[in-house]
């Protein structure tokens, strides 16, 4: 059965590399937001947060608008950990 163990280890390494690449891309996207116009930056930041939450299988809520500005209801962390 050593071959099954070896295959599992290879699969784990591959998953880690994929996650590392995805997180690296997300970090680059976040750092590049500084150069985006303010209104578009809000929408791009929403996309960033949604992608980040999806990667870690966290439930993201849809954004909503209030008078005077736009706010995100990304997640209720209390619900997740209680």
N, C-alpha and C. Protein backbone atom coordinates (compact mmCIF):
# COMPACT_ATOMS: atom_id res chain seq x y z
N UNK A 1 0.78 -1.20 0.00
CA UNK A 1 0.00 0.00 0.00
C UNK A 1 0.83 1.28 0.00
N UNK A 2 2.12 1.22 -0.08
CA UNK A 2 2.90 2.46 -0.11
C UNK A 2 2.51 3.37 -1.27
N UNK A 3 2.08 2.79 -2.38
CA UNK A 3 1.75 3.62 -3.54
C UNK A 3 0.51 4.49 -3.26
N UNK A 4 -0.44 3.99 -2.48
CA UNK A 4 -1.63 4.78 -2.13
C UNK A 4 -1.22 5.96 -1.25
N UNK A 5 -0.34 5.72 -0.30
CA UNK A 5 0.14 6.78 0.58
C UNK A 5 0.90 7.82 -0.22
N UNK A 6 1.73 7.37 -1.14
CA UNK A 6 2.51 8.28 -1.98
C UNK A 6 1.59 9.14 -2.84
N UNK A 7 0.56 8.54 -3.42
CA UNK A 7 -0.40 9.27 -4.24
C UNK A 7 -1.13 10.33 -3.42
N UNK A 8 -1.50 9.97 -2.18
CA UNK A 8 -2.18 10.93 -1.30
C UNK A 8 -1.25 12.09 -0.97
N UNK A 9 0.02 11.81 -0.70
CA UNK A 9 0.97 12.87 -0.41
C UNK A 9 1.15 13.79 -1.62
N UNK A 10 1.21 13.21 -2.81
CA UNK A 10 1.33 14.02 -4.02
C UNK A 10 0.09 14.89 -4.21
N UNK A 11 -1.08 14.34 -3.94
CA UNK A 11 -2.33 15.09 -4.07
C UNK A 11 -2.36 16.24 -3.07
N UNK A 12 -1.91 16.00 -1.84
CA UNK A 12 -1.87 17.04 -0.82
C UNK A 12 -0.94 18.17 -1.23
N UNK A 13 0.22 17.82 -1.78
CA UNK A 13 1.18 18.82 -2.23
C UNK A 13 0.58 19.64 -3.37
N UNK A 14 -0.09 18.98 -4.29
CA UNK A 14 -0.71 19.67 -5.41
C UNK A 14 -1.77 20.65 -4.92
N UNK A 15 -2.61 20.23 -3.97
CA UNK A 15 -3.64 21.11 -3.41
C UNK A 15 -3.00 22.32 -2.75
N UNK A 16 -1.92 22.10 -2.01
CA UNK A 16 -1.24 23.20 -1.34
C UNK A 16 -0.67 24.19 -2.36
N UNK A 17 -0.10 23.67 -3.44
CA UNK A 17 0.46 24.54 -4.48
C UNK A 17 -0.64 25.34 -5.17
N UNK A 18 -1.76 24.70 -5.44
CA UNK A 18 -2.89 25.38 -6.07
C UNK A 18 -3.39 26.50 -5.16
N UNK A 19 -3.57 26.19 -3.88
CA UNK A 19 -4.03 27.19 -2.92
C UNK A 19 -3.03 28.34 -2.82
N UNK A 20 -1.76 28.01 -2.79
CA UNK A 20 -0.72 29.04 -2.71
C UNK A 20 -0.79 29.96 -3.93
N UNK A 21 -0.98 29.41 -5.12
CA UNK A 21 -1.08 30.21 -6.33
C UNK A 21 -2.32 31.10 -6.32
N UNK A 22 -3.45 30.54 -5.88
CA UNK A 22 -4.69 31.31 -5.82
C UNK A 22 -4.56 32.46 -4.83
N UNK A 23 -4.00 32.19 -3.66
CA UNK A 23 -3.82 33.24 -2.65
C UNK A 23 -2.84 34.30 -3.13
N UNK A 24 -1.84 33.89 -3.86
CA UNK A 24 -0.89 34.85 -4.42
C UNK A 24 -1.58 35.78 -5.42
N UNK A 25 -2.44 35.21 -6.26
CA UNK A 25 -3.21 36.02 -7.22
C UNK A 25 -4.14 36.99 -6.49
N UNK A 26 -4.80 36.50 -5.44
CA UNK A 26 -5.69 37.36 -4.67
C UNK A 26 -4.92 38.51 -4.02
N UNK A 27 -3.75 38.22 -3.48
CA UNK A 27 -2.93 39.27 -2.87
C UNK A 27 -2.55 40.32 -3.91
N UNK A 28 -2.16 39.87 -5.09
CA UNK A 28 -1.83 40.83 -6.16
C UNK A 28 -3.03 41.68 -6.52
N UNK A 29 -4.21 41.06 -6.60
CA UNK A 29 -5.43 41.82 -6.90
C UNK A 29 -5.69 42.86 -5.82
N UNK A 30 -5.51 42.47 -4.57
CA UNK A 30 -5.73 43.41 -3.46
C UNK A 30 -4.75 44.58 -3.53
N UNK A 31 -3.50 44.28 -3.76
CA UNK A 31 -2.49 45.34 -3.82
C UNK A 31 -2.72 46.27 -5.00
N UNK A 32 -3.26 45.77 -6.10
CA UNK A 32 -3.51 46.59 -7.27
C UNK A 32 -4.74 47.48 -7.13
N UNK A 33 -5.57 47.24 -6.13
CA UNK A 33 -6.77 48.05 -5.93
C UNK A 33 -6.44 49.51 -5.66
N UNK A 34 -5.27 49.75 -5.11
CA UNK A 34 -4.86 51.12 -4.79
C UNK A 34 -4.84 52.00 -6.05
N UNK A 35 -4.61 51.40 -7.20
CA UNK A 35 -4.49 52.16 -8.44
C UNK A 35 -5.82 52.32 -9.18
N UNK A 36 -6.90 51.74 -8.65
CA UNK A 36 -8.20 51.77 -9.31
C UNK A 36 -9.00 52.96 -8.78
N UNK A 37 -9.83 53.56 -9.65
CA UNK A 37 -10.68 54.67 -9.24
C UNK A 37 -11.59 54.24 -8.08
N UNK A 38 -11.94 55.20 -7.24
CA UNK A 38 -12.64 54.90 -5.98
C UNK A 38 -13.91 54.07 -6.15
N UNK A 39 -14.81 54.47 -7.03
CA UNK A 39 -16.08 53.74 -7.15
C UNK A 39 -15.84 52.33 -7.67
N UNK A 40 -15.00 52.19 -8.67
CA UNK A 40 -14.71 50.86 -9.20
C UNK A 40 -13.98 50.02 -8.15
N UNK A 41 -13.14 50.68 -7.35
CA UNK A 41 -12.38 49.99 -6.31
C UNK A 41 -13.33 49.29 -5.32
N UNK A 42 -14.46 49.95 -5.00
CA UNK A 42 -15.45 49.34 -4.10
C UNK A 42 -15.94 48.01 -4.66
N UNK A 43 -16.29 48.01 -5.94
CA UNK A 43 -16.79 46.79 -6.57
C UNK A 43 -15.71 45.72 -6.67
N UNK A 44 -14.51 46.14 -6.99
CA UNK A 44 -13.40 45.20 -7.09
C UNK A 44 -13.07 44.60 -5.72
N UNK A 45 -13.19 45.42 -4.67
CA UNK A 45 -12.94 44.91 -3.32
C UNK A 45 -14.01 43.89 -2.93
N UNK A 46 -15.25 44.13 -3.34
CA UNK A 46 -16.32 43.15 -3.11
C UNK A 46 -15.97 41.82 -3.77
N UNK A 47 -15.50 41.89 -5.01
CA UNK A 47 -15.11 40.66 -5.71
C UNK A 47 -13.98 39.95 -4.97
N UNK A 48 -13.01 40.73 -4.51
CA UNK A 48 -11.89 40.17 -3.76
C UNK A 48 -12.39 39.42 -2.52
N UNK A 49 -13.24 40.08 -1.74
CA UNK A 49 -13.74 39.45 -0.52
C UNK A 49 -14.57 38.21 -0.82
N UNK A 50 -15.40 38.28 -1.84
CA UNK A 50 -16.22 37.13 -2.22
C UNK A 50 -15.33 35.95 -2.60
N UNK A 51 -14.31 36.22 -3.41
CA UNK A 51 -13.38 35.15 -3.80
C UNK A 51 -12.65 34.58 -2.60
N UNK A 52 -12.21 35.44 -1.72
CA UNK A 52 -11.49 34.99 -0.53
C UNK A 52 -12.39 34.10 0.34
N UNK A 53 -13.61 34.53 0.55
CA UNK A 53 -14.53 33.73 1.35
C UNK A 53 -14.83 32.41 0.66
N UNK A 54 -15.02 32.42 -0.65
CA UNK A 54 -15.30 31.18 -1.38
C UNK A 54 -14.16 30.18 -1.27
N UNK A 55 -12.94 30.66 -1.32
CA UNK A 55 -11.78 29.77 -1.22
C UNK A 55 -11.81 28.99 0.09
N UNK A 56 -12.17 29.67 1.16
CA UNK A 56 -12.19 29.03 2.47
C UNK A 56 -13.57 28.50 2.84
N UNK A 57 -14.43 28.40 1.83
CA UNK A 57 -15.77 27.84 1.98
C UNK A 57 -16.56 28.52 3.10
N UNK A 58 -16.42 29.85 3.15
CA UNK A 58 -17.19 30.65 4.09
C UNK A 58 -18.37 31.26 3.35
N UNK A 59 -19.45 31.47 4.05
CA UNK A 59 -20.66 32.00 3.42
C UNK A 59 -20.57 33.52 3.32
N UNK A 60 -20.51 34.03 2.11
CA UNK A 60 -20.49 35.48 1.89
C UNK A 60 -21.91 35.94 1.63
N UNK A 61 -22.26 37.07 2.19
CA UNK A 61 -23.57 37.66 1.94
C UNK A 61 -23.46 38.67 0.80
N UNK A 62 -24.57 38.92 0.18
CA UNK A 62 -24.61 39.91 -0.91
C UNK A 62 -24.42 41.31 -0.34
N UNK A 63 -23.81 42.20 -1.11
CA UNK A 63 -23.67 43.59 -0.66
C UNK A 63 -25.03 44.28 -0.65
N UNK A 64 -25.13 45.35 0.10
CA UNK A 64 -26.37 46.12 0.13
C UNK A 64 -26.03 47.60 0.20
N UNK A 65 -26.99 48.43 -0.14
CA UNK A 65 -26.79 49.88 -0.13
C UNK A 65 -27.60 50.52 0.99
N UNK A 66 -27.00 51.51 1.60
CA UNK A 66 -27.67 52.35 2.57
C UNK A 66 -27.56 53.78 2.09
N UNK A 67 -28.42 54.64 2.54
CA UNK A 67 -28.33 56.05 2.17
C UNK A 67 -26.98 56.59 2.64
N UNK A 68 -26.29 57.22 1.73
CA UNK A 68 -25.01 57.82 2.08
C UNK A 68 -23.81 56.95 1.78
N UNK A 69 -24.00 55.73 1.32
CA UNK A 69 -22.84 54.92 0.99
C UNK A 69 -23.20 53.47 0.77
N UNK A 70 -22.22 52.71 0.43
CA UNK A 70 -22.40 51.30 0.15
C UNK A 70 -21.62 50.51 1.20
N UNK A 71 -22.25 49.48 1.71
CA UNK A 71 -21.62 48.68 2.73
C UNK A 71 -21.73 47.21 2.36
N UNK A 72 -20.79 46.44 2.83
CA UNK A 72 -20.83 45.00 2.55
C UNK A 72 -21.20 44.24 3.80
N UNK A 73 -22.06 43.29 3.61
CA UNK A 73 -22.36 42.35 4.69
C UNK A 73 -21.72 41.04 4.27
N UNK A 74 -20.45 40.90 4.50
CA UNK A 74 -19.70 39.77 4.00
C UNK A 74 -20.07 38.49 4.73
N UNK A 75 -20.06 38.54 6.02
CA UNK A 75 -20.35 37.32 6.76
C UNK A 75 -20.62 37.68 8.21
N UNK A 76 -21.38 36.88 8.85
CA UNK A 76 -21.58 37.04 10.28
C UNK A 76 -20.69 36.01 10.96
N UNK A 77 -19.53 36.44 11.39
CA UNK A 77 -18.54 35.51 11.96
C UNK A 77 -19.07 34.85 13.22
N UNK A 78 -19.92 35.53 13.93
CA UNK A 78 -20.46 34.92 15.14
C UNK A 78 -21.24 33.65 14.80
N UNK A 79 -22.03 33.68 13.72
CA UNK A 79 -22.78 32.50 13.30
C UNK A 79 -21.85 31.35 12.95
N UNK A 80 -20.71 31.67 12.40
CA UNK A 80 -19.79 30.63 11.94
C UNK A 80 -19.12 29.90 13.10
N UNK A 81 -18.86 30.61 14.19
CA UNK A 81 -18.05 30.03 15.25
C UNK A 81 -18.85 29.64 16.49
N UNK A 82 -20.13 29.87 16.46
CA UNK A 82 -20.96 29.49 17.63
C UNK A 82 -21.83 28.32 17.28
